C-alpha atoms as a PDB file:
ATOM      1  CA  UNK A   1     121.074 114.994  98.149  1.00  0.00           C
ATOM      2  CA  UNK A   2     120.222 117.546 100.854  1.00  0.00           C
ATOM      3  CA  UNK A   3     123.054 118.903 102.953  1.00  0.00           C
ATOM      4  CA  UNK A   4     123.215 117.334 106.426  1.00  0.00           C
ATOM      5  CA  UNK A   5     123.661 119.375 109.599  1.00  0.00           C
ATOM      6  CA  UNK A   6     124.659 118.444 113.134  1.00  0.00           C
ATOM      7  CA  UNK A   7     122.882 120.177 116.010  1.00  0.00           C
ATOM      8  CA  UNK A   8     124.917 121.413 118.977  1.00  0.00           C
ATOM      9  CA  UNK A   9     121.825 121.893 121.134  1.00  0.00           C
ATOM     10  CA  UNK A  10     119.342 124.501 122.291  1.00  0.00           C
ATOM     11  CA  UNK A  11     120.673 127.745 123.754  1.00  0.00           C
ATOM     12  CA  UNK A  12     118.787 130.388 125.710  1.00  0.00           C
ATOM     13  CA  UNK A  13     119.298 134.128 125.757  1.00  0.00           C
ATOM     14  CA  UNK A  14     117.265 137.152 126.748  1.00  0.00           C
ATOM     15  CA  UNK A  15     115.747 137.034 123.254  1.00  0.00           C
ATOM     16  CA  UNK A  16     114.503 133.455 123.606  1.00  0.00           C
ATOM     17  CA  UNK A  17     115.523 129.968 122.425  1.00  0.00           C
ATOM     18  CA  UNK A  18     117.946 129.312 119.572  1.00  0.00           C
ATOM     19  CA  UNK A  19     119.041 126.044 117.977  1.00  0.00           C
ATOM     20  CA  UNK A  20     122.809 126.012 117.425  1.00  0.00           C
ATOM     21  CA  UNK A  21     124.446 123.988 114.653  1.00  0.00           C
ATOM     22  CA  UNK A  22     128.024 122.857 114.153  1.00  0.00           C
ATOM     23  CA  UNK A  23     129.890 125.528 112.245  1.00  0.00           C
ATOM     24  CA  UNK A  24     128.170 128.393 114.055  1.00  0.00           C
ATOM     25  CA  UNK A  25     124.846 128.518 112.262  1.00  0.00           C
ATOM     26  CA  UNK A  26     121.870 129.535 114.439  1.00  0.00           C
ATOM     27  CA  UNK A  27     118.121 128.971 114.018  1.00  0.00           C
ATOM     28  CA  UNK A  28     116.053 131.476 116.003  1.00  0.00           C
ATOM     29  CA  UNK A  29     112.872 129.856 117.352  1.00  0.00           C
ATOM     30  CA  UNK A  30     109.640 131.819 117.571  1.00  0.00           C
ATOM     31  CA  UNK A  31     106.108 130.745 118.456  1.00  0.00           C
ATOM     32  CA  UNK A  32     104.170 129.549 115.440  1.00  0.00           C
ATOM     33  CA  UNK A  33     107.353 128.572 113.590  1.00  0.00           C
ATOM     34  CA  UNK A  34     107.184 125.208 111.825  1.00  0.00           C
ATOM     35  CA  UNK A  35     110.003 122.941 112.935  1.00  0.00           C
ATOM     36  CA  UNK A  36     110.690 120.245 110.330  1.00  0.00           C
ATOM     37  CA  UNK A  37     113.677 117.961 109.902  1.00  0.00           C
ATOM     38  CA  UNK A  38     114.565 114.332 109.207  1.00  0.00           C
ATOM     39  CA  UNK A  39     117.383 112.078 110.360  1.00  0.00           C
ATOM     40  CA  UNK A  40     119.670 111.070 107.504  1.00  0.00           C
ATOM     41  CA  UNK A  41     118.899 107.623 106.082  1.00  0.00           C
ATOM     42  CA  UNK A  42     121.330 104.928 107.187  1.00  0.00           C
ATOM     43  CA  UNK A  43     122.988 107.200 109.741  1.00  0.00           C
ATOM     44  CA  UNK A  44     124.134 106.354 113.265  1.00  0.00           C
ATOM     45  CA  UNK A  45     124.326 108.559 116.318  1.00  0.00           C
ATOM     46  CA  UNK A  46     127.927 109.443 117.137  1.00  0.00           C
ATOM     47  CA  UNK A  47     129.521 110.679 120.360  1.00  0.00           C
ATOM     48  CA  UNK A  48     129.829 114.479 120.397  1.00  0.00           C
ATOM     49  CA  UNK A  49     133.126 114.430 122.308  1.00  0.00           C
ATOM     50  CA  UNK A  50     134.011 116.569 125.330  1.00  0.00           C
ATOM     51  CA  UNK A  51     135.376 120.012 126.153  1.00  0.00           C
ATOM     52  CA  UNK A  52     135.446 121.008 122.487  1.00  0.00           C
ATOM     53  CA  UNK A  53     137.368 117.923 121.361  1.00  0.00           C
ATOM     54  CA  UNK A  54     136.138 115.173 119.062  1.00  0.00           C
ATOM     55  CA  UNK A  55     135.606 111.694 120.464  1.00  0.00           C
ATOM     56  CA  UNK A  56     138.867 109.827 119.747  1.00  0.00           C
ATOM     57  CA  UNK A  57     136.932 106.586 119.231  1.00  0.00           C
ATOM     58  CA  UNK A  58     134.153 108.008 117.088  1.00  0.00           C
ATOM     59  CA  UNK A  59     131.915 105.898 119.294  1.00  0.00           C
ATOM     60  CA  UNK A  60     128.276 105.171 118.559  1.00  0.00           C
ATOM     61  CA  UNK A  61     125.891 106.235 121.352  1.00  0.00           C
ATOM     62  CA  UNK A  62     122.339 105.091 122.229  1.00  0.00           C
ATOM     63  CA  UNK A  63     119.462 106.934 120.569  1.00  0.00           C
ATOM     64  CA  UNK A  64     117.731 107.514 123.910  1.00  0.00           C
ATOM     65  CA  UNK A  65     120.758 109.080 125.602  1.00  0.00           C
ATOM     66  CA  UNK A  66     120.321 112.783 126.356  1.00  0.00           C
ATOM     67  CA  UNK A  67     124.075 113.259 126.812  1.00  0.00           C
ATOM     68  CA  UNK A  68     125.164 111.895 123.382  1.00  0.00           C
ATOM     69  CA  UNK A  69     128.576 110.990 124.838  1.00  0.00           C
ATOM     70  CA  UNK A  70     130.389 107.696 125.250  1.00  0.00           C
ATOM     71  CA  UNK A  71     131.453 106.730 128.773  1.00  0.00           C
ATOM     72  CA  UNK A  72     134.975 108.123 128.428  1.00  0.00           C
ATOM     73  CA  UNK A  73     133.896 111.497 126.993  1.00  0.00           C
ATOM     74  CA  UNK A  74     131.111 111.815 129.578  1.00  0.00           C
ATOM     75  CA  UNK A  75     133.632 111.222 132.356  1.00  0.00           C
ATOM     76  CA  UNK A  76     136.012 113.821 130.923  1.00  0.00           C
ATOM     77  CA  UNK A  77     133.235 116.390 130.475  1.00  0.00           C
ATOM     78  CA  UNK A  78     131.959 115.989 134.039  1.00  0.00           C
ATOM     79  CA  UNK A  79     135.447 116.052 135.554  1.00  0.00           C
ATOM     80  CA  UNK A  80     135.792 119.689 134.471  1.00  0.00           C
ATOM     81  CA  UNK A  81     132.344 120.834 135.562  1.00  0.00           C
ATOM     82  CA  UNK A  82     131.375 122.908 138.593  1.00  0.00           C
ATOM     83  CA  UNK A  83     129.156 120.069 139.786  1.00  0.00           C
ATOM     84  CA  UNK A  84     132.191 117.806 140.155  1.00  0.00           C
ATOM     85  CA  UNK A  85     133.758 120.114 142.771  1.00  0.00           C
ATOM     86  CA  UNK A  86     137.098 120.096 140.959  1.00  0.00           C
ATOM     87  CA  UNK A  87     137.201 123.880 140.462  1.00  0.00           C
ATOM     88  CA  UNK A  88     137.618 125.006 144.067  1.00  0.00           C
ATOM     89  CA  UNK A  89     140.029 127.783 143.027  1.00  0.00           C
ATOM     90  CA  UNK A  90     137.620 129.315 140.505  1.00  0.00           C
ATOM     91  CA  UNK A  91     137.871 133.085 141.200  1.00  0.00           C
ATOM     92  CA  UNK A  92     134.524 133.990 139.639  1.00  0.00           C
ATOM     93  CA  UNK A  93     131.533 134.965 141.832  1.00  0.00           C
ATOM     94  CA  UNK A  94     128.638 132.515 141.976  1.00  0.00           C
ATOM     95  CA  UNK A  95     124.973 132.931 142.823  1.00  0.00           C
ATOM     96  CA  UNK A  96     122.765 130.596 144.827  1.00  0.00           C
ATOM     97  CA  UNK A  97     119.123 130.309 143.739  1.00  0.00           C
ATOM     98  CA  UNK A  98     115.821 128.640 144.507  1.00  0.00           C
ATOM     99  CA  UNK A  99     113.919 127.468 141.421  1.00  0.00           C
ATOM    100  CA  UNK A 100     110.265 126.395 141.124  1.00  0.00           C
ATOM    101  CA  UNK A 101     109.085 124.072 138.349  1.00  0.00           C
ATOM    102  CA  UNK A 102     105.535 123.337 139.495  1.00  0.00           C
ATOM    103  CA  UNK A 103     103.542 122.476 142.627  1.00  0.00           C
ATOM    104  CA  UNK A 104     105.830 120.719 145.103  1.00  0.00           C
ATOM    105  CA  UNK A 105     108.867 121.059 142.842  1.00  0.00           C
ATOM    106  CA  UNK A 106     111.537 123.386 144.236  1.00  0.00           C
ATOM    107  CA  UNK A 107     115.283 122.912 143.921  1.00  0.00           C
ATOM    108  CA  UNK A 108     118.374 124.774 145.087  1.00  0.00           C
ATOM    109  CA  UNK A 109     121.359 125.370 142.838  1.00  0.00           C
ATOM    110  CA  UNK A 110     124.288 127.602 141.944  1.00  0.00           C
ATOM    111  CA  UNK A 111     125.389 129.312 138.747  1.00  0.00           C
ATOM    112  CA  UNK A 112     128.200 131.649 137.728  1.00  0.00           C
ATOM    113  CA  UNK A 113     127.064 135.235 138.349  1.00  0.00           C
ATOM    114  CA  UNK A 114     128.231 136.257 134.878  1.00  0.00           C
ATOM    115  CA  UNK A 115     125.646 133.928 133.289  1.00  0.00           C
ATOM    116  CA  UNK A 116     122.717 135.796 134.805  1.00  0.00           C
ATOM    117  CA  UNK A 117     119.430 133.851 134.540  1.00  0.00           C
ATOM    118  CA  UNK A 118     120.526 131.692 131.567  1.00  0.00           C
ATOM    119  CA  UNK A 119     121.061 128.601 133.739  1.00  0.00           C
ATOM    120  CA  UNK A 120     117.482 128.881 135.010  1.00  0.00           C
ATOM    121  CA  UNK A 121     116.138 129.118 131.456  1.00  0.00           C
ATOM    122  CA  UNK A 122     118.214 126.082 130.469  1.00  0.00           C
ATOM    123  CA  UNK A 123     116.700 124.075 133.326  1.00  0.00           C
ATOM    124  CA  UNK A 124     113.136 125.094 132.505  1.00  0.00           C
ATOM    125  CA  UNK A 125     112.581 126.910 135.808  1.00  0.00           C
ATOM    126  CA  UNK A 126     109.092 128.414 135.748  1.00  0.00           C
ATOM    127  CA  UNK A 127     109.929 130.825 138.568  1.00  0.00           C
ATOM    128  CA  UNK A 128     113.089 131.540 140.581  1.00  0.00           C
ATOM    129  CA  UNK A 129     114.710 133.906 143.064  1.00  0.00           C
ATOM    130  CA  UNK A 130     118.323 134.557 143.969  1.00  0.00           C
ATOM    131  CA  UNK A 131     119.472 133.794 147.518  1.00  0.00           C
ATOM    132  CA  UNK A 132     122.996 135.187 147.603  1.00  0.00           C
ATOM    133  CA  UNK A 133     126.286 135.827 145.798  1.00  0.00           C
ATOM    134  CA  UNK A 134     129.826 134.898 146.753  1.00  0.00           C
ATOM    135  CA  UNK A 135     132.867 132.685 146.062  1.00  0.00           C
ATOM    136  CA  UNK A 136     132.256 129.224 144.591  1.00  0.00           C
ATOM    137  CA  UNK A 137     132.900 127.229 147.763  1.00  0.00           C
ATOM    138  CA  UNK A 138     130.734 129.574 149.865  1.00  0.00           C
ATOM    139  CA  UNK A 139     127.937 129.153 147.327  1.00  0.00           C
ATOM    140  CA  UNK A 140     128.420 125.371 147.418  1.00  0.00           C
ATOM    141  CA  UNK A 141     128.270 125.306 151.247  1.00  0.00           C
ATOM    142  CA  UNK A 142     125.072 127.366 151.176  1.00  0.00           C
ATOM    143  CA  UNK A 143     123.563 124.952 148.654  1.00  0.00           C
ATOM    144  CA  UNK A 144     124.366 122.012 150.944  1.00  0.00           C
ATOM    145  CA  UNK A 145     122.970 123.887 153.969  1.00  0.00           C
ATOM    146  CA  UNK A 146     119.627 124.411 152.254  1.00  0.00           C
ATOM    147  CA  UNK A 147     119.442 120.854 150.969  1.00  0.00           C
ATOM    148  CA  UNK A 148     119.893 119.484 154.472  1.00  0.00           C
ATOM    149  CA  UNK A 149     117.828 122.010 156.440  1.00  0.00           C
ATOM    150  CA  UNK A 150     114.922 122.579 154.027  1.00  0.00           C
ATOM    151  CA  UNK A 151     114.970 119.138 152.393  1.00  0.00           C
ATOM    152  CA  UNK A 152     115.018 120.559 148.875  1.00  0.00           C
ATOM    153  CA  UNK A 153     116.933 118.656 146.165  1.00  0.00           C
ATOM    154  CA  UNK A 154     119.586 120.028 143.839  1.00  0.00           C
ATOM    155  CA  UNK A 155     118.118 118.127 140.895  1.00  0.00           C
ATOM    156  CA  UNK A 156     114.625 117.368 139.531  1.00  0.00           C
ATOM    157  CA  UNK A 157     114.108 114.933 136.623  1.00  0.00           C
ATOM    158  CA  UNK A 158     112.926 116.515 133.384  1.00  0.00           C
ATOM    159  CA  UNK A 159     110.089 113.994 133.159  1.00  0.00           C
ATOM    160  CA  UNK A 160     108.647 115.403 136.379  1.00  0.00           C
ATOM    161  CA  UNK A 161     108.987 118.975 135.130  1.00  0.00           C
ATOM    162  CA  UNK A 162     107.153 118.156 131.902  1.00  0.00           C
ATOM    163  CA  UNK A 163     104.310 116.405 133.693  1.00  0.00           C
ATOM    164  CA  UNK A 164     103.031 119.573 135.404  1.00  0.00           C
ATOM    165  CA  UNK A 165     103.517 122.302 132.797  1.00  0.00           C
ATOM    166  CA  UNK A 166      99.902 122.028 131.650  1.00  0.00           C
ATOM    167  CA  UNK A 167      98.511 122.734 135.134  1.00  0.00           C
ATOM    168  CA  UNK A 168     100.636 125.600 136.386  1.00  0.00           C
ATOM    169  CA  UNK A 169      98.765 128.161 138.510  1.00  0.00           C
ATOM    170  CA  UNK A 170      97.522 131.058 136.397  1.00  0.00           C
ATOM    171  CA  UNK A 171      98.856 133.914 138.514  1.00  0.00           C
ATOM    172  CA  UNK A 172     102.477 134.921 139.073  1.00  0.00           C
ATOM    173  CA  UNK A 173     101.767 135.366 142.781  1.00  0.00           C
ATOM    174  CA  UNK A 174     100.518 131.794 143.059  1.00  0.00           C
ATOM    175  CA  UNK A 175     103.536 130.471 141.192  1.00  0.00           C
ATOM    176  CA  UNK A 176     105.893 132.363 143.510  1.00  0.00           C
ATOM    177  CA  UNK A 177     104.160 131.366 146.781  1.00  0.00           C
ATOM    178  CA  UNK A 178     106.254 128.252 147.507  1.00  0.00           C
ATOM    179  CA  UNK A 179     109.448 130.106 146.673  1.00  0.00           C
ATOM    180  CA  UNK A 180     108.513 132.953 149.015  1.00  0.00           C
ATOM    181  CA  UNK A 181     107.964 130.550 151.904  1.00  0.00           C
ATOM    182  CA  UNK A 182     111.221 128.670 151.347  1.00  0.00           C
ATOM    183  CA  UNK A 183     113.206 131.858 150.778  1.00  0.00           C
ATOM    184  CA  UNK A 184     111.963 133.111 154.143  1.00  0.00           C
ATOM    185  CA  UNK A 185     112.907 129.841 155.834  1.00  0.00           C
ATOM    186  CA  UNK A 186     116.337 129.935 154.239  1.00  0.00           C
ATOM    187  CA  UNK A 187     116.938 133.475 155.485  1.00  0.00           C
ATOM    188  CA  UNK A 188     116.301 132.317 159.062  1.00  0.00           C
ATOM    189  CA  UNK A 189     118.868 129.503 159.005  1.00  0.00           C
ATOM    190  CA  UNK A 190     122.131 129.666 160.913  1.00  0.00           C
ATOM    191  CA  UNK A 191     125.376 128.663 159.262  1.00  0.00           C
ATOM    192  CA  UNK A 192     125.435 130.894 156.192  1.00  0.00           C
ATOM    193  CA  UNK A 193     129.050 131.539 155.065  1.00  0.00           C
ATOM    194  CA  UNK A 194     130.134 135.078 155.915  1.00  0.00           C
ATOM    195  CA  UNK A 195     131.589 135.574 152.446  1.00  0.00           C
ATOM    196  CA  UNK A 196     128.175 135.088 150.806  1.00  0.00           C
ATOM    197  CA  UNK A 197     126.138 138.298 150.466  1.00  0.00           C
ATOM    198  CA  UNK A 198     122.421 137.583 150.838  1.00  0.00           C
ATOM    199  CA  UNK A 199     119.801 138.817 148.414  1.00  0.00           C
ATOM    200  CA  UNK A 200     116.135 139.704 149.070  1.00  0.00           C
ATOM    201  CA  UNK A 201     113.230 137.744 147.622  1.00  0.00           C
ATOM    202  CA  UNK A 202     112.583 138.997 144.097  1.00  0.00           C
ATOM    203  CA  UNK A 203     110.792 136.312 142.063  1.00  0.00           C
ATOM    204  CA  UNK A 204     111.382 136.118 138.311  1.00  0.00           C
ATOM    205  CA  UNK A 205     108.640 134.395 136.294  1.00  0.00           C
ATOM    206  CA  UNK A 206     109.348 132.614 132.981  1.00  0.00           C
ATOM    207  CA  UNK A 207     105.856 131.538 131.876  1.00  0.00           C
ATOM    208  CA  UNK A 208     105.749 134.329 129.317  1.00  0.00           C
ATOM    209  CA  UNK A 209     109.312 133.686 128.156  1.00  0.00           C
ATOM    210  CA  UNK A 210     108.547 129.982 127.690  1.00  0.00           C
ATOM    211  CA  UNK A 211     105.207 130.634 125.963  1.00  0.00           C
ATOM    212  CA  UNK A 212     103.396 128.279 128.334  1.00  0.00           C
ATOM    213  CA  UNK A 213     100.261 130.364 128.940  1.00  0.00           C
ATOM    214  CA  UNK A 214      97.264 128.896 127.129  1.00  0.00           C
ATOM    215  CA  UNK A 215      99.220 126.438 124.987  1.00  0.00           C
ATOM    216  CA  UNK A 216      97.893 122.945 124.147  1.00  0.00           C
ATOM    217  CA  UNK A 217      98.641 120.351 126.824  1.00  0.00           C
ATOM    218  CA  UNK A 218     101.435 117.890 126.093  1.00  0.00           C
ATOM    219  CA  UNK A 219     100.093 114.425 125.247  1.00  0.00           C
ATOM    220  CA  UNK A 220     103.414 112.714 124.601  1.00  0.00           C
ATOM    221  CA  UNK A 221     107.170 113.027 124.347  1.00  0.00           C
ATOM    222  CA  UNK A 222     109.627 111.907 121.678  1.00  0.00           C
ATOM    223  CA  UNK A 223     111.426 108.855 123.069  1.00  0.00           C
ATOM    224  CA  UNK A 224     114.260 108.717 120.546  1.00  0.00           C
ATOM    225  CA  UNK A 225     115.246 109.571 117.006  1.00  0.00           C
ATOM    226  CA  UNK A 226     115.926 106.916 114.385  1.00  0.00           C
ATOM    227  CA  UNK A 227     117.681 106.928 111.021  1.00  0.00           C
ATOM    228  CA  UNK A 228     115.117 108.004 108.434  1.00  0.00           C
ATOM    229  CA  UNK A 229     112.710 109.347 111.068  1.00  0.00           C
ATOM    230  CA  UNK A 230     111.086 112.766 110.698  1.00  0.00           C
ATOM    231  CA  UNK A 231     109.754 115.479 112.980  1.00  0.00           C
ATOM    232  CA  UNK A 232     107.373 118.221 111.915  1.00  0.00           C
ATOM    233  CA  UNK A 233     105.202 120.458 114.048  1.00  0.00           C
ATOM    234  CA  UNK A 234     104.254 123.993 114.996  1.00  0.00           C
ATOM    235  CA  UNK A 235     106.311 125.378 117.868  1.00  0.00           C
ATOM    236  CA  UNK A 236     103.930 126.587 120.586  1.00  0.00           C
ATOM    237  CA  UNK A 237     106.258 126.699 123.620  1.00  0.00           C
ATOM    238  CA  UNK A 238     109.768 125.881 124.809  1.00  0.00           C
ATOM    239  CA  UNK A 239     111.187 125.318 128.287  1.00  0.00           C
ATOM    240  CA  UNK A 240     114.682 124.192 129.186  1.00  0.00           C
ATOM    241  CA  UNK A 241     115.824 121.833 126.404  1.00  0.00           C
ATOM    242  CA  UNK A 242     112.234 121.005 125.414  1.00  0.00           C
ATOM    243  CA  UNK A 243     110.321 122.137 122.344  1.00  0.00           C
ATOM    244  CA  UNK A 244     106.516 121.774 122.491  1.00  0.00           C
ATOM    245  CA  UNK A 245     105.399 120.921 118.958  1.00  0.00           C
ATOM    246  CA  UNK A 246     101.859 120.439 117.639  1.00  0.00           C
ATOM    247  CA  UNK A 247     101.866 117.999 114.676  1.00  0.00           C
ATOM    248  CA  UNK A 248      99.581 118.700 111.719  1.00  0.00           C
ATOM    249  CA  UNK A 249      97.418 115.737 112.707  1.00  0.00           C
ATOM    250  CA  UNK A 250      97.049 115.927 116.470  1.00  0.00           C
ATOM    251  CA  UNK A 251      95.025 117.548 119.229  1.00  0.00           C
ATOM    252  CA  UNK A 252      97.887 118.148 121.636  1.00  0.00           C
ATOM    253  CA  UNK A 253     101.571 118.970 121.821  1.00  0.00           C
ATOM    254  CA  UNK A 254     104.453 116.522 121.615  1.00  0.00           C
ATOM    255  CA  UNK A 255     107.565 117.395 123.618  1.00  0.00           C
ATOM    256  CA  UNK A 256     110.903 117.090 121.836  1.00  0.00           C
ATOM    257  CA  UNK A 257     113.957 117.103 124.117  1.00  0.00           C
ATOM    258  CA  UNK A 258     116.524 118.783 121.870  1.00  0.00           C
ATOM    259  CA  UNK A 259     119.325 116.891 123.623  1.00  0.00           C
ATOM    260  CA  UNK A 260     118.152 113.903 121.560  1.00  0.00           C
ATOM    261  CA  UNK A 261     119.180 115.751 118.371  1.00  0.00           C
ATOM    262  CA  UNK A 262     122.905 115.904 119.099  1.00  0.00           C
ATOM    263  CA  UNK A 263     125.096 113.293 117.449  1.00  0.00           C
ATOM    264  CA  UNK A 264     122.748 112.763 114.479  1.00  0.00           C
ATOM    265  CA  UNK A 265     123.074 114.044 110.926  1.00  0.00           C
ATOM    266  CA  UNK A 266     119.865 115.978 110.189  1.00  0.00           C
ATOM    267  CA  UNK A 267     118.427 117.068 106.851  1.00  0.00           C
ATOM    268  CA  UNK A 268     115.468 119.362 106.016  1.00  0.00           C
ATOM    269  CA  UNK A 269     112.080 117.695 106.472  1.00  0.00           C
ATOM    270  CA  UNK A 270     109.277 117.624 103.923  1.00  0.00           C
ATOM    271  CA  UNK A 271     106.965 119.634 106.191  1.00  0.00           C
ATOM    272  CA  UNK A 272     104.393 116.858 106.533  1.00  0.00           C
ATOM    273  CA  UNK A 273     105.625 113.812 108.412  1.00  0.00           C
ATOM    274  CA  UNK A 274     105.986 113.227 112.158  1.00  0.00           C
ATOM    275  CA  UNK A 275     107.506 109.779 112.208  1.00  0.00           C
ATOM    276  CA  UNK A 276     109.554 109.038 115.344  1.00  0.00           C
ATOM    277  CA  UNK A 277     108.775 106.970 118.459  1.00  0.00           C
ATOM    278  CA  UNK A 278     106.531 108.993 120.782  1.00  0.00           C
ATOM    279  CA  UNK A 279     105.878 107.932 124.363  1.00  0.00           C
ATOM    280  CA  UNK A 280     102.394 108.743 125.548  1.00  0.00           C
ATOM    281  CA  UNK A 281     102.006 110.241 128.973  1.00  0.00           C
ATOM    282  CA  UNK A 282     101.389 107.509 131.501  1.00  0.00           C
ATOM    283  CA  UNK A 283      98.134 107.475 133.390  1.00  0.00           C
ATOM    284  CA  UNK A 284      99.816 108.794 136.521  1.00  0.00           C
ATOM    285  CA  UNK A 285     101.349 111.653 134.536  1.00  0.00           C
ATOM    286  CA  UNK A 286      97.954 112.538 133.065  1.00  0.00           C
ATOM    287  CA  UNK A 287      96.482 112.649 136.570  1.00  0.00           C
ATOM    288  CA  UNK A 288      99.321 114.932 137.615  1.00  0.00           C
ATOM    289  CA  UNK A 289      98.530 117.235 134.702  1.00  0.00           C
ATOM    290  CA  UNK A 290      94.933 117.475 135.894  1.00  0.00           C
ATOM    291  CA  UNK A 291      95.644 117.893 139.599  1.00  0.00           C
ATOM    292  CA  UNK A 292      99.154 119.272 139.814  1.00  0.00           C
ATOM    293  CA  UNK A 293      99.971 116.763 142.578  1.00  0.00           C
ATOM    294  CA  UNK A 294     103.406 115.175 142.791  1.00  0.00           C
ATOM    295  CA  UNK A 295     103.539 112.169 145.097  1.00  0.00           C
ATOM    296  CA  UNK A 296     106.790 111.173 146.737  1.00  0.00           C
ATOM    297  CA  UNK A 297     108.871 113.756 144.865  1.00  0.00           C
ATOM    298  CA  UNK A 298     111.311 114.258 147.682  1.00  0.00           C
END
């Protein structure tokens, strides 16, 4: 019987995406690599716990959940996050950014300065620029200022991000145009905290890092994993938690959200089968891929 592994998720670094496994094993992902695995027969998806601790209940979690945590562990994990505003005394410097994911899709956010651009890679930001650096609460106030004044959200659903990756503008200048306009508007706002040092507009483009240029368009996305199901495909791109895989029998890519892997016991695949539920892009999403339009995003 093949040894089973548990995936801890996808991690990004300056060298690209890496799958991390319990126990510290890493699988470096490169374009053209064949990704093949199967879910152990008869297995169930178990809660991954929180803050480095096992789930005390050993709870089963839904296959479609991207968090892979039971309600109690999810609450505990979020209670200690920056987003929960429970770390007001955090002494580390934070950076405020504007991130662009596609036409009409710009968000504002903050990240610890020590993390550099990793948070933007994790979110699948196609292009971004820093706005300023300062204490956590100053960064948070700046984020709220921009949300209210510029009407930009602090969150964009992954489904919306995926829908426009196939129709991104070809040039870096075109991809940075919306960011440039909003960065300029942000700079002209009153009410910036004095403790936040502002930064000039310097766009950083991730199309090359993600491998999105000239790759096959996504025609579907894995909806869930099931016991005994298998995934096999050639890796052509990756963005945020998503792997873009081209199955042996297919004329387009299928997106696998690697957050769906956590909590399952996985074994090596046979290199042939792609046998998991795949959701086809809806008609509206296909139209968005062709036109790049996003209706009612904000």
